[in-house]
Amino acid sequence: MSSPLPDDRLALYDEPVTAHETAAAPEARGAFDRGVILAARGAAWLVFIAMAISVYEVIMRYGFGSPTSWVHESVVMLVAVGFALGGPAALASDRHIRVKVLYDAVGPRFRLWLDRFNDLVTFGFCLGMSYAAYTMFWSASHNPMGEWQLERSGTSWNPPFPALVKGVILLALAIMCVQALLHLSRSLRRRPDTVSKETDS
């Protein structure tokens, strides 16, 4: 059997790479999701900042015998905010965890109804969680008299990070509500033949 020519080898090599790159890149379902993914890329730097100040703490503590009072709480806050914003990013790029045994075993029409049911349940869940996050943020941002007063950590540094994190959780869930509603609207307008083409591709 003859070996492939360089052009053939290039043609054979290009196809899998292109498919892999397409699969690896997050695909947004709409303009709102594209904006969420763009914002999430910026928020991903919070983890890098948390790592950088953790290294600074180690150097200061063990190299100079001068530990900080702010690094630990800052790292916890930055990572918590990053995790909270990861929810809208996963929903925007359709990268959330799911079991597709039933979905792959049925036809395009039933898949469409499963998509609609999934989007409806997701919207209801995010709506309920947003209400719970709102009550949690309200109690963290107001004192018993109803006046604005942010909850603080209670340490010697005492930053208002608990209230800030709860506010970000509320923001993330509100964004996911909008996303789920847009996804539901889109799935209600879709036809079964569109579902089969998307699945085949």
N, C-alpha and C. Protein backbone atom coordinates (compact mmCIF):
# COMPACT_ATOMS: atom_id res chain seq x y z
N MET A 1 0.85 -1.18 0.00
CA MET A 1 0.00 0.00 0.00
C MET A 1 0.89 1.23 0.00
N SER A 2 0.60 2.17 -0.89
CA SER A 2 1.46 3.35 -1.02
C SER A 2 1.15 4.34 0.08
N SER A 3 2.20 5.09 0.46
CA SER A 3 2.03 6.09 1.50
C SER A 3 1.33 7.31 0.92
N PRO A 4 0.52 8.01 1.72
CA PRO A 4 -0.19 9.17 1.18
C PRO A 4 0.77 10.30 0.85
N LEU A 5 0.40 11.05 -0.16
CA LEU A 5 1.18 12.23 -0.55
C LEU A 5 1.06 13.30 0.54
N PRO A 6 1.98 14.27 0.56
CA PRO A 6 1.89 15.35 1.56
C PRO A 6 0.56 16.08 1.55
N ASP A 7 0.01 16.33 0.32
CA ASP A 7 -1.28 17.02 0.25
C ASP A 7 -2.38 16.18 0.86
N ASP A 8 -2.33 14.85 0.59
CA ASP A 8 -3.34 13.96 1.16
C ASP A 8 -3.22 13.93 2.67
N ARG A 9 -1.97 13.88 3.15
CA ARG A 9 -1.75 13.82 4.60
C ARG A 9 -2.28 15.10 5.26
N LEU A 10 -2.07 16.24 4.57
CA LEU A 10 -2.58 17.50 5.10
C LEU A 10 -4.10 17.51 5.13
N ALA A 11 -4.71 16.97 4.07
CA ALA A 11 -6.16 16.92 4.01
C ALA A 11 -6.73 16.01 5.08
N LEU A 12 -6.07 14.86 5.30
CA LEU A 12 -6.53 13.94 6.33
C LEU A 12 -6.34 14.54 7.72
N TYR A 13 -5.29 15.33 7.89
CA TYR A 13 -4.99 15.90 9.21
C TYR A 13 -5.91 17.08 9.53
N ASP A 14 -6.25 17.86 8.50
CA ASP A 14 -7.05 19.07 8.75
C ASP A 14 -8.44 18.75 9.26
N GLU A 15 -9.07 17.69 8.75
CA GLU A 15 -10.46 17.43 9.11
C GLU A 15 -10.65 17.14 10.59
N PRO A 16 -9.87 16.19 11.22
CA PRO A 16 -10.06 15.97 12.64
C PRO A 16 -9.73 17.18 13.50
N VAL A 17 -8.70 17.94 13.11
CA VAL A 17 -8.33 19.10 13.92
C VAL A 17 -9.46 20.13 13.93
N THR A 18 -10.04 20.36 12.73
CA THR A 18 -11.14 21.31 12.65
C THR A 18 -12.31 20.85 13.50
N ALA A 19 -12.63 19.56 13.44
CA ALA A 19 -13.74 19.03 14.24
C ALA A 19 -13.44 19.16 15.72
N HIS A 20 -12.19 18.89 16.10
CA HIS A 20 -11.81 18.99 17.51
C HIS A 20 -11.90 20.43 18.01
N GLU A 21 -11.42 21.36 17.17
CA GLU A 21 -11.46 22.75 17.57
C GLU A 21 -12.90 23.24 17.70
N THR A 22 -13.78 22.75 16.81
CA THR A 22 -15.18 23.14 16.89
C THR A 22 -15.81 22.60 18.16
N ALA A 23 -15.46 21.36 18.53
CA ALA A 23 -16.03 20.76 19.73
C ALA A 23 -15.50 21.42 20.98
N ALA A 24 -14.26 21.90 20.94
CA ALA A 24 -13.66 22.47 22.13
C ALA A 24 -14.14 23.88 22.39
N ALA A 25 -14.49 24.62 21.33
CA ALA A 25 -14.91 26.01 21.52
C ALA A 25 -16.34 26.05 22.03
N PRO A 26 -16.61 26.86 23.07
CA PRO A 26 -17.96 26.98 23.56
C PRO A 26 -18.87 27.64 22.55
N GLU A 27 -20.04 27.05 22.30
CA GLU A 27 -20.97 27.58 21.33
C GLU A 27 -22.16 28.15 22.07
N ALA A 28 -22.37 29.46 21.93
CA ALA A 28 -23.49 30.12 22.58
C ALA A 28 -24.75 29.90 21.78
N ARG A 29 -25.89 29.93 22.47
CA ARG A 29 -27.17 29.72 21.79
C ARG A 29 -27.80 31.02 21.32
N GLY A 30 -27.25 32.16 21.71
CA GLY A 30 -27.81 33.43 21.32
C GLY A 30 -26.90 34.57 21.73
N ALA A 31 -27.36 35.81 21.45
CA ALA A 31 -26.54 36.98 21.76
C ALA A 31 -26.33 37.15 23.26
N PHE A 32 -27.39 36.88 24.05
CA PHE A 32 -27.25 37.01 25.50
C PHE A 32 -26.22 36.01 26.04
N ASP A 33 -26.28 34.78 25.55
CA ASP A 33 -25.32 33.76 25.98
C ASP A 33 -23.90 34.12 25.56
N ARG A 34 -23.75 34.73 24.38
CA ARG A 34 -22.42 35.15 23.95
C ARG A 34 -21.85 36.21 24.90
N GLY A 35 -22.71 37.11 25.35
CA GLY A 35 -22.27 38.11 26.32
C GLY A 35 -21.88 37.49 27.65
N VAL A 36 -22.64 36.46 28.07
CA VAL A 36 -22.32 35.77 29.32
C VAL A 36 -20.97 35.08 29.22
N ILE A 37 -20.72 34.41 28.10
CA ILE A 37 -19.44 33.71 27.92
C ILE A 37 -18.28 34.70 27.91
N LEU A 38 -18.48 35.84 27.26
CA LEU A 38 -17.43 36.86 27.23
C LEU A 38 -17.13 37.39 28.63
N ALA A 39 -18.18 37.63 29.42
CA ALA A 39 -17.98 38.10 30.79
C ALA A 39 -17.33 37.00 31.65
N ALA A 40 -17.68 35.75 31.39
CA ALA A 40 -17.11 34.65 32.17
C ALA A 40 -15.62 34.50 31.92
N ARG A 41 -15.19 34.79 30.71
CA ARG A 41 -13.75 34.74 30.43
C ARG A 41 -12.99 35.75 31.26
N GLY A 42 -13.59 36.92 31.48
CA GLY A 42 -12.97 37.91 32.35
C GLY A 42 -13.00 37.46 33.80
N ALA A 43 -14.13 36.87 34.22
CA ALA A 43 -14.26 36.42 35.61
C ALA A 43 -13.32 35.26 35.92
N ALA A 44 -12.91 34.51 34.89
CA ALA A 44 -11.99 33.38 35.11
C ALA A 44 -10.65 33.85 35.67
N TRP A 45 -10.30 35.11 35.43
CA TRP A 45 -9.04 35.65 35.96
C TRP A 45 -9.06 35.78 37.47
N LEU A 46 -10.24 35.70 38.08
CA LEU A 46 -10.32 35.77 39.54
C LEU A 46 -9.55 34.61 40.19
N VAL A 47 -9.58 33.45 39.55
CA VAL A 47 -8.84 32.30 40.08
C VAL A 47 -7.34 32.57 40.03
N PHE A 48 -6.89 33.19 38.95
CA PHE A 48 -5.46 33.53 38.84
C PHE A 48 -5.06 34.54 39.91
N ILE A 49 -5.94 35.53 40.16
CA ILE A 49 -5.66 36.51 41.21
C ILE A 49 -5.60 35.83 42.57
N ALA A 50 -6.52 34.89 42.81
CA ALA A 50 -6.51 34.15 44.08
C ALA A 50 -5.22 33.36 44.24
N MET A 51 -4.75 32.75 43.16
CA MET A 51 -3.50 32.00 43.22
C MET A 51 -2.32 32.93 43.49
N ALA A 52 -2.31 34.11 42.84
CA ALA A 52 -1.20 35.04 42.99
C ALA A 52 -1.10 35.57 44.42
N ILE A 53 -2.22 35.92 45.03
CA ILE A 53 -2.14 36.44 46.39
C ILE A 53 -1.89 35.32 47.40
N SER A 54 -2.24 34.07 47.04
CA SER A 54 -1.88 32.94 47.90
C SER A 54 -0.37 32.75 47.92
N VAL A 55 0.27 32.88 46.75
CA VAL A 55 1.73 32.80 46.67
C VAL A 55 2.35 33.93 47.49
N TYR A 56 1.77 35.11 47.39
CA TYR A 56 2.26 36.25 48.17
C TYR A 56 2.18 35.96 49.66
N GLU A 57 1.08 35.34 50.10
CA GLU A 57 0.93 35.01 51.52
C GLU A 57 1.99 34.02 51.98
N VAL A 58 2.25 33.01 51.15
CA VAL A 58 3.26 32.01 51.51
C VAL A 58 4.63 32.67 51.65
N ILE A 59 4.97 33.54 50.70
CA ILE A 59 6.27 34.22 50.76
C ILE A 59 6.37 35.09 52.00
N MET A 60 5.32 35.87 52.28
CA MET A 60 5.34 36.76 53.43
C MET A 60 5.37 35.99 54.75
N ARG A 61 4.62 34.88 54.81
CA ARG A 61 4.52 34.13 56.06
C ARG A 61 5.82 33.37 56.36
N TYR A 62 6.30 32.62 55.36
CA TYR A 62 7.44 31.73 55.63
C TYR A 62 8.78 32.35 55.23
N GLY A 63 8.75 33.35 54.36
CA GLY A 63 10.00 33.99 53.97
C GLY A 63 10.37 35.17 54.85
N PHE A 64 9.35 35.92 55.29
CA PHE A 64 9.62 37.13 56.05
C PHE A 64 8.98 37.12 57.45
N GLY A 65 8.29 36.03 57.79
CA GLY A 65 7.66 35.95 59.11
C GLY A 65 6.64 37.04 59.36
N SER A 66 5.94 37.46 58.29
CA SER A 66 4.95 38.53 58.39
C SER A 66 3.66 38.12 57.68
N PRO A 67 2.87 37.24 58.30
CA PRO A 67 1.64 36.78 57.64
C PRO A 67 0.63 37.91 57.47
N THR A 68 -0.20 37.78 56.46
CA THR A 68 -1.21 38.80 56.20
C THR A 68 -2.50 38.46 56.94
N SER A 69 -3.37 39.45 57.05
CA SER A 69 -4.67 39.22 57.69
C SER A 69 -5.81 39.23 56.67
N TRP A 70 -5.46 39.41 55.38
CA TRP A 70 -6.50 39.59 54.39
C TRP A 70 -6.50 38.56 53.27
N VAL A 71 -5.41 37.80 53.11
CA VAL A 71 -5.30 36.92 51.95
C VAL A 71 -6.33 35.77 52.00
N HIS A 72 -6.43 35.10 53.15
CA HIS A 72 -7.31 33.94 53.23
C HIS A 72 -8.75 34.30 52.86
N GLU A 73 -9.28 35.35 53.46
CA GLU A 73 -10.67 35.75 53.17
C GLU A 73 -10.83 36.21 51.73
N SER A 74 -9.81 36.87 51.20
CA SER A 74 -9.88 37.33 49.81
C SER A 74 -9.90 36.15 48.84
N VAL A 75 -9.07 35.13 49.13
CA VAL A 75 -9.03 33.95 48.27
C VAL A 75 -10.38 33.23 48.29
N VAL A 76 -10.95 33.05 49.48
CA VAL A 76 -12.25 32.39 49.60
C VAL A 76 -13.32 33.16 48.82
N MET A 77 -13.30 34.49 48.93
CA MET A 77 -14.28 35.31 48.24
C MET A 77 -14.11 35.22 46.72
N LEU A 78 -12.87 35.32 46.24
CA LEU A 78 -12.63 35.28 44.79
C LEU A 78 -13.03 33.94 44.19
N VAL A 79 -12.69 32.85 44.87
CA VAL A 79 -13.05 31.53 44.36
C VAL A 79 -14.56 31.32 44.40
N ALA A 80 -15.21 31.79 45.46
CA ALA A 80 -16.67 31.67 45.56
C ALA A 80 -17.36 32.43 44.45
N VAL A 81 -16.89 33.63 44.16
CA VAL A 81 -17.46 34.42 43.07
C VAL A 81 -17.24 33.71 41.73
N GLY A 82 -16.05 33.14 41.54
CA GLY A 82 -15.78 32.41 40.31
C GLY A 82 -16.69 31.22 40.12
N PHE A 83 -16.92 30.46 41.20
CA PHE A 83 -17.82 29.31 41.12
C PHE A 83 -19.25 29.76 40.83
N ALA A 84 -19.69 30.84 41.48
CA ALA A 84 -21.06 31.32 41.26
C ALA A 84 -21.27 31.73 39.81
N LEU A 85 -20.29 32.41 39.22
CA LEU A 85 -20.42 32.85 37.84
C LEU A 85 -20.19 31.71 36.84
N GLY A 86 -19.70 30.58 37.33
CA GLY A 86 -19.54 29.42 36.46
C GLY A 86 -20.87 28.82 36.03
N GLY A 87 -21.93 29.02 36.84
CA GLY A 87 -23.25 28.49 36.48
C GLY A 87 -23.79 29.09 35.20
N PRO A 88 -23.88 30.43 35.10
CA PRO A 88 -24.32 31.02 33.84
C PRO A 88 -23.41 30.68 32.65
N ALA A 89 -22.10 30.57 32.90
CA ALA A 89 -21.18 30.24 31.80
C ALA A 89 -21.45 28.83 31.27
N ALA A 90 -21.68 27.87 32.18
CA ALA A 90 -21.96 26.50 31.75
C ALA A 90 -23.29 26.43 31.01
N LEU A 91 -24.29 27.16 31.49
CA LEU A 91 -25.59 27.16 30.82
C LEU A 91 -25.52 27.84 29.46
N ALA A 92 -24.71 28.89 29.36
CA ALA A 92 -24.58 29.62 28.09
C ALA A 92 -23.94 28.77 27.01
N SER A 93 -22.94 27.99 27.37
CA SER A 93 -22.22 27.18 26.38
C SER A 93 -22.73 25.75 26.32
N ASP A 94 -23.81 25.45 27.05
CA ASP A 94 -24.43 24.12 27.04
C ASP A 94 -23.44 23.05 27.48
N ARG A 95 -22.68 23.36 28.55
CA ARG A 95 -21.65 22.45 29.05
C ARG A 95 -22.01 21.86 30.42
N HIS A 96 -23.26 22.00 30.84
CA HIS A 96 -23.63 21.47 32.15
C HIS A 96 -23.69 19.94 32.10
N ILE A 97 -23.59 19.31 33.26
CA ILE A 97 -23.58 17.85 33.34
C ILE A 97 -24.99 17.32 33.14
N ARG A 98 -25.13 16.29 32.31
CA ARG A 98 -26.43 15.68 32.09
C ARG A 98 -26.27 14.23 31.67
N VAL A 99 -27.30 13.44 31.92
CA VAL A 99 -27.32 12.03 31.52
C VAL A 99 -28.18 11.94 30.27
N LYS A 100 -27.58 11.47 29.17
CA LYS A 100 -28.26 11.49 27.87
C LYS A 100 -28.70 10.11 27.38
N VAL A 101 -28.86 9.16 28.31
CA VAL A 101 -29.24 7.81 27.88
C VAL A 101 -30.60 7.82 27.21
N LEU A 102 -31.59 8.43 27.85
CA LEU A 102 -32.93 8.51 27.28
C LEU A 102 -32.95 9.43 26.06
N TYR A 103 -32.24 10.53 26.14
CA TYR A 103 -32.25 11.51 25.06
C TYR A 103 -31.71 10.92 23.76
N ASP A 104 -30.64 10.13 23.84
CA ASP A 104 -30.04 9.55 22.64
C ASP A 104 -30.84 8.37 22.09
N ALA A 105 -31.76 7.82 22.90
CA ALA A 105 -32.49 6.62 22.48
C ALA A 105 -33.80 6.94 21.77
N VAL A 106 -34.22 8.20 21.75
CA VAL A 106 -35.51 8.56 21.17
C VAL A 106 -35.32 9.36 19.89
N GLY A 107 -36.43 9.58 19.18
CA GLY A 107 -36.39 10.29 17.92
C GLY A 107 -36.39 11.80 18.09
N PRO A 108 -36.28 12.53 16.97
CA PRO A 108 -36.18 13.99 17.02
C PRO A 108 -37.39 14.67 17.67
N ARG A 109 -38.59 14.18 17.41
CA ARG A 109 -39.78 14.82 17.97
C ARG A 109 -39.80 14.71 19.49
N PHE A 110 -39.48 13.51 20.00
CA PHE A 110 -39.47 13.33 21.45
C PHE A 110 -38.31 14.11 22.08
N ARG A 111 -37.20 14.21 21.37
CA ARG A 111 -36.08 15.00 21.87
C ARG A 111 -36.47 16.47 22.02
N LEU A 112 -37.26 16.96 21.07
CA LEU A 112 -37.70 18.34 21.15
C LEU A 112 -38.55 18.56 22.41
N TRP A 113 -39.44 17.62 22.71
CA TRP A 113 -40.25 17.76 23.91
C TRP A 113 -39.41 17.60 25.17
N LEU A 114 -38.39 16.77 25.12
CA LEU A 114 -37.48 16.67 26.25
C LEU A 114 -36.72 17.99 26.46
N ASP A 115 -36.31 18.63 25.36
CA ASP A 115 -35.64 19.93 25.46
C ASP A 115 -36.56 20.96 26.08
N ARG A 116 -37.82 20.96 25.65
CA ARG A 116 -38.77 21.92 26.20
C ARG A 116 -39.02 21.67 27.69
N PHE A 117 -39.17 20.40 28.03
CA PHE A 117 -39.38 20.06 29.45
C PHE A 117 -38.16 20.44 30.29
N ASN A 118 -36.97 20.15 29.76
CA ASN A 118 -35.74 20.49 30.47
C ASN A 118 -35.60 22.00 30.66
N ASP A 119 -35.90 22.77 29.61
CA ASP A 119 -35.81 24.22 29.72
C ASP A 119 -36.83 24.78 30.70
N LEU A 120 -38.02 24.19 30.73
CA LEU A 120 -39.06 24.63 31.66
C LEU A 120 -38.66 24.34 33.10
N VAL A 121 -38.14 23.13 33.34
CA VAL A 121 -37.70 22.76 34.70
C VAL A 121 -36.53 23.63 35.13
N THR A 122 -35.60 23.88 34.20
CA THR A 122 -34.45 24.73 34.52
C THR A 122 -34.90 26.13 34.89
N PHE A 123 -35.86 26.67 34.14
CA PHE A 123 -36.37 28.01 34.45
C PHE A 123 -37.04 28.04 35.82
N GLY A 124 -37.88 27.03 36.11
CA GLY A 124 -38.54 26.97 37.41
C GLY A 124 -37.55 26.83 38.55
N PHE A 125 -36.54 26.00 38.35
CA PHE A 125 -35.51 25.82 39.39
C PHE A 125 -34.75 27.12 39.63
N CYS A 126 -34.32 27.78 38.55
CA CYS A 126 -33.56 29.02 38.70
C CYS A 126 -34.42 30.12 39.32
N LEU A 127 -35.72 30.12 39.00
CA LEU A 127 -36.61 31.11 39.58
C LEU A 127 -36.74 30.90 41.09
N GLY A 128 -36.92 29.64 41.49
CA GLY A 128 -37.01 29.33 42.92
C GLY A 128 -35.72 29.64 43.66
N MET A 129 -34.60 29.27 43.04
CA MET A 129 -33.31 29.55 43.67
C MET A 129 -33.02 31.05 43.72
N SER A 130 -33.50 31.80 42.74
CA SER A 130 -33.31 33.25 42.76
C SER A 130 -34.07 33.87 43.93
N TYR A 131 -35.26 33.37 44.19
CA TYR A 131 -36.02 33.89 45.33
C TYR A 131 -35.30 33.58 46.64
N ALA A 132 -34.78 32.34 46.74
CA ALA A 132 -34.03 31.97 47.95
C ALA A 132 -32.77 32.82 48.09
N ALA A 133 -32.09 33.09 46.97
CA ALA A 133 -30.88 33.92 47.00
C ALA A 133 -31.23 35.36 47.36
N TYR A 134 -32.40 35.83 46.91
CA TYR A 134 -32.82 37.20 47.25
C TYR A 134 -33.05 37.34 48.75
N THR A 135 -33.74 36.39 49.35
CA THR A 135 -33.97 36.46 50.79
C THR A 135 -32.66 36.36 51.56
N MET A 136 -31.73 35.53 51.07
CA MET A 136 -30.43 35.39 51.70
C MET A 136 -29.63 36.69 51.59
N PHE A 137 -29.66 37.32 50.42
CA PHE A 137 -28.94 38.57 50.24
C PHE A 137 -29.58 39.70 51.04
N TRP A 138 -30.91 39.72 51.11
CA TRP A 138 -31.58 40.76 51.87
C TRP A 138 -31.17 40.72 53.34
N SER A 139 -31.15 39.51 53.91
CA SER A 139 -30.76 39.40 55.32
C SER A 139 -29.27 39.71 55.52
N ALA A 140 -28.46 39.54 54.46
CA ALA A 140 -27.03 39.84 54.56
C ALA A 140 -26.73 41.30 54.31
N SER A 141 -27.69 42.05 53.78
CA SER A 141 -27.44 43.45 53.44
C SER A 141 -28.29 44.43 54.25
N HIS A 142 -29.14 43.91 55.15
CA HIS A 142 -29.98 44.77 55.97
C HIS A 142 -29.97 44.28 57.41
N ASN A 143 -30.01 45.21 58.32
CA ASN A 143 -30.09 44.83 59.73
C ASN A 143 -31.54 44.53 60.11
N PRO A 144 -31.82 44.05 61.33
CA PRO A 144 -33.19 43.72 61.71
C PRO A 144 -34.17 44.88 61.62
N MET A 145 -33.68 46.12 61.62
CA MET A 145 -34.55 47.29 61.49
C MET A 145 -34.86 47.62 60.03
N GLY A 146 -34.29 46.84 59.10
CA GLY A 146 -34.53 47.08 57.67
C GLY A 146 -33.61 48.09 57.05
N GLU A 147 -32.59 48.52 57.77
CA GLU A 147 -31.65 49.51 57.24
C GLU A 147 -30.49 48.80 56.54
N TRP A 148 -29.92 49.49 55.54
CA TRP A 148 -28.80 48.93 54.77
C TRP A 148 -27.58 48.76 55.66
N GLN A 149 -27.15 47.52 55.82
CA GLN A 149 -25.96 47.21 56.63
C GLN A 149 -25.41 45.87 56.16
N LEU A 150 -24.25 45.90 55.53
CA LEU A 150 -23.69 44.69 54.95
C LEU A 150 -23.15 43.74 56.02
N GLU A 151 -23.42 42.48 55.82
CA GLU A 151 -22.88 41.45 56.71
C GLU A 151 -21.37 41.36 56.53
N ARG A 152 -20.65 41.27 57.63
CA ARG A 152 -19.19 41.20 57.58
C ARG A 152 -18.71 39.87 58.13
N SER A 153 -17.43 39.59 57.91
CA SER A 153 -16.89 38.28 58.26
C SER A 153 -16.69 38.09 59.75
N GLY A 154 -16.51 39.18 60.50
CA GLY A 154 -16.32 39.06 61.94
C GLY A 154 -14.89 38.80 62.37
N THR A 155 -13.96 38.84 61.45
CA THR A 155 -12.54 38.64 61.78
C THR A 155 -11.90 39.99 62.12
N SER A 156 -10.60 39.98 62.35
CA SER A 156 -9.90 41.23 62.65
C SER A 156 -9.92 42.18 61.46
N TRP A 157 -9.87 41.66 60.25
CA TRP A 157 -9.97 42.51 59.06
C TRP A 157 -11.42 42.94 58.81
N ASN A 158 -12.36 41.97 58.96
CA ASN A 158 -13.80 42.21 58.95
C ASN A 158 -14.33 42.85 57.66
N PRO A 159 -14.05 42.25 56.50
CA PRO A 159 -14.58 42.81 55.25
C PRO A 159 -16.04 42.39 55.04
N PRO A 160 -16.77 43.08 54.17
CA PRO A 160 -18.16 42.71 53.88
C PRO A 160 -18.28 41.63 52.81
N PHE A 161 -17.34 40.69 52.80
CA PHE A 161 -17.33 39.66 51.76
C PHE A 161 -18.54 38.72 51.80
N PRO A 162 -19.07 38.33 52.98
CA PRO A 162 -20.25 37.47 52.97
C PRO A 162 -21.42 38.08 52.21
N ALA A 163 -21.68 39.36 52.43
CA ALA A 163 -22.77 40.02 51.71
C ALA A 163 -22.46 40.12 50.22
N LEU A 164 -21.19 40.39 49.89
CA LEU A 164 -20.80 40.50 48.49
C LEU A 164 -20.99 39.18 47.75
N VAL A 165 -20.56 38.08 48.36
CA VAL A 165 -20.70 36.77 47.72
C VAL A 165 -22.17 36.42 47.53
N LYS A 166 -23.00 36.69 48.52
CA LYS A 166 -24.43 36.39 48.40
C LYS A 166 -25.07 37.26 47.32
N GLY A 167 -24.59 38.48 47.16
CA GLY A 167 -25.07 39.32 46.07
C GLY A 167 -24.69 38.78 44.70
N VAL A 168 -23.49 38.25 44.59
CA VAL A 168 -23.05 37.66 43.32
C VAL A 168 -23.84 36.39 43.01
N ILE A 169 -24.15 35.60 44.05
CA ILE A 169 -24.97 34.41 43.85
C ILE A 169 -26.35 34.79 43.32
N LEU A 170 -26.93 35.85 43.89
CA LEU A 170 -28.22 36.34 43.40
C LEU A 170 -28.11 36.80 41.95
N LEU A 171 -27.05 37.52 41.63
CA LEU A 171 -26.85 37.99 40.26
C LEU A 171 -26.71 36.82 39.29
N ALA A 172 -25.93 35.81 39.67
CA ALA A 172 -25.72 34.65 38.80
C ALA A 172 -27.03 33.91 38.55
N LEU A 173 -27.84 33.74 39.59
CA LEU A 173 -29.12 33.04 39.41
C LEU A 173 -30.10 33.86 38.60
N ALA A 174 -30.08 35.18 38.76
CA ALA A 174 -30.94 36.03 37.94
C ALA A 174 -30.55 35.92 36.47
N ILE A 175 -29.25 35.89 36.19
CA ILE A 175 -28.79 35.71 34.81
C ILE A 175 -29.24 34.36 34.27
N MET A 176 -29.14 33.32 35.10
CA MET A 176 -29.56 31.99 34.66
C MET A 176 -31.06 31.92 34.41
N CYS A 177 -31.85 32.71 35.15
CA CYS A 177 -33.29 32.79 34.88
C CYS A 177 -33.55 33.34 33.49
N VAL A 178 -32.86 34.42 33.15
CA VAL A 178 -33.02 35.02 31.82
C VAL A 178 -32.58 34.03 30.75
N GLN A 179 -31.45 33.36 30.98
CA GLN A 179 -30.97 32.37 30.01
C GLN A 179 -31.98 31.25 29.82
N ALA A 180 -32.48 30.70 30.92
CA ALA A 180 -33.43 29.58 30.84
C ALA A 180 -34.70 30.00 30.12
N LEU A 181 -35.16 31.23 30.36
CA LEU A 181 -36.36 31.71 29.68
C LEU A 181 -36.12 31.87 28.19
N LEU A 182 -34.96 32.39 27.81
CA LEU A 182 -34.62 32.51 26.39
C LEU A 182 -34.48 31.14 25.73
N HIS A 183 -33.87 30.19 26.45
CA HIS A 183 -33.74 28.84 25.90
C HIS A 183 -35.10 28.18 25.73
N LEU A 184 -36.00 28.39 26.69
CA LEU A 184 -37.35 27.83 26.59
C LEU A 184 -38.08 28.43 25.40
N SER A 185 -37.97 29.74 25.22
CA SER A 185 -38.62 30.39 24.09
C SER A 185 -38.08 29.86 22.77
N ARG A 186 -36.77 29.63 22.74
CA ARG A 186 -36.17 29.11 21.51
C ARG A 186 -36.61 27.68 21.23
N SER A 187 -36.67 26.84 22.27
CA SER A 187 -37.08 25.45 22.05
C SER A 187 -38.55 25.34 21.68
N LEU A 188 -39.38 26.27 22.15
CA LEU A 188 -40.80 26.27 21.77
C LEU A 188 -40.99 26.64 20.31
N ARG A 189 -40.05 27.39 19.75
CA ARG A 189 -40.14 27.79 18.34
C ARG A 189 -39.48 26.79 17.39
N ARG A 190 -38.70 25.87 17.95
CA ARG A 190 -37.98 24.92 17.10
C ARG A 190 -38.90 23.84 16.55
N ARG A 191 -38.48 23.23 15.45
CA ARG A 191 -39.21 22.11 14.85
C ARG A 191 -38.38 20.84 14.99
N PRO A 192 -39.02 19.68 14.96
CA PRO A 192 -38.28 18.41 15.13
C PRO A 192 -37.17 18.21 14.11
N ASP A 193 -37.35 18.67 12.85
CA ASP A 193 -36.29 18.48 11.86
C ASP A 193 -35.04 19.28 12.21
N THR A 194 -35.24 20.43 12.88
CA THR A 194 -34.09 21.22 13.34
C THR A 194 -33.32 20.48 14.40
N VAL A 195 -34.03 19.79 15.29
CA VAL A 195 -33.39 19.02 16.36
C VAL A 195 -32.56 17.91 15.77
N SER A 196 -33.10 17.19 14.75
CA SER A 196 -32.35 16.09 14.17
C SER A 196 -31.10 16.57 13.47
N LYS A 197 -31.16 17.74 12.80
CA LYS A 197 -29.97 18.28 12.13
C LYS A 197 -28.91 18.68 13.15
N GLU A 198 -29.34 19.31 14.26
CA GLU A 198 -28.37 19.72 15.30
C GLU A 198 -27.72 18.52 15.94
N THR A 199 -28.50 17.44 16.14
CA THR A 199 -27.97 16.25 16.76
C THR A 199 -26.99 15.53 15.85
N ASP A 200 -27.33 15.46 14.55
CA ASP A 200 -26.45 14.79 13.58
C ASP A 200 -25.12 15.51 13.42
N SER A 201 -25.16 16.86 13.50
CA SER A 201 -23.93 17.63 13.35
C SER A 201 -23.08 17.54 14.59
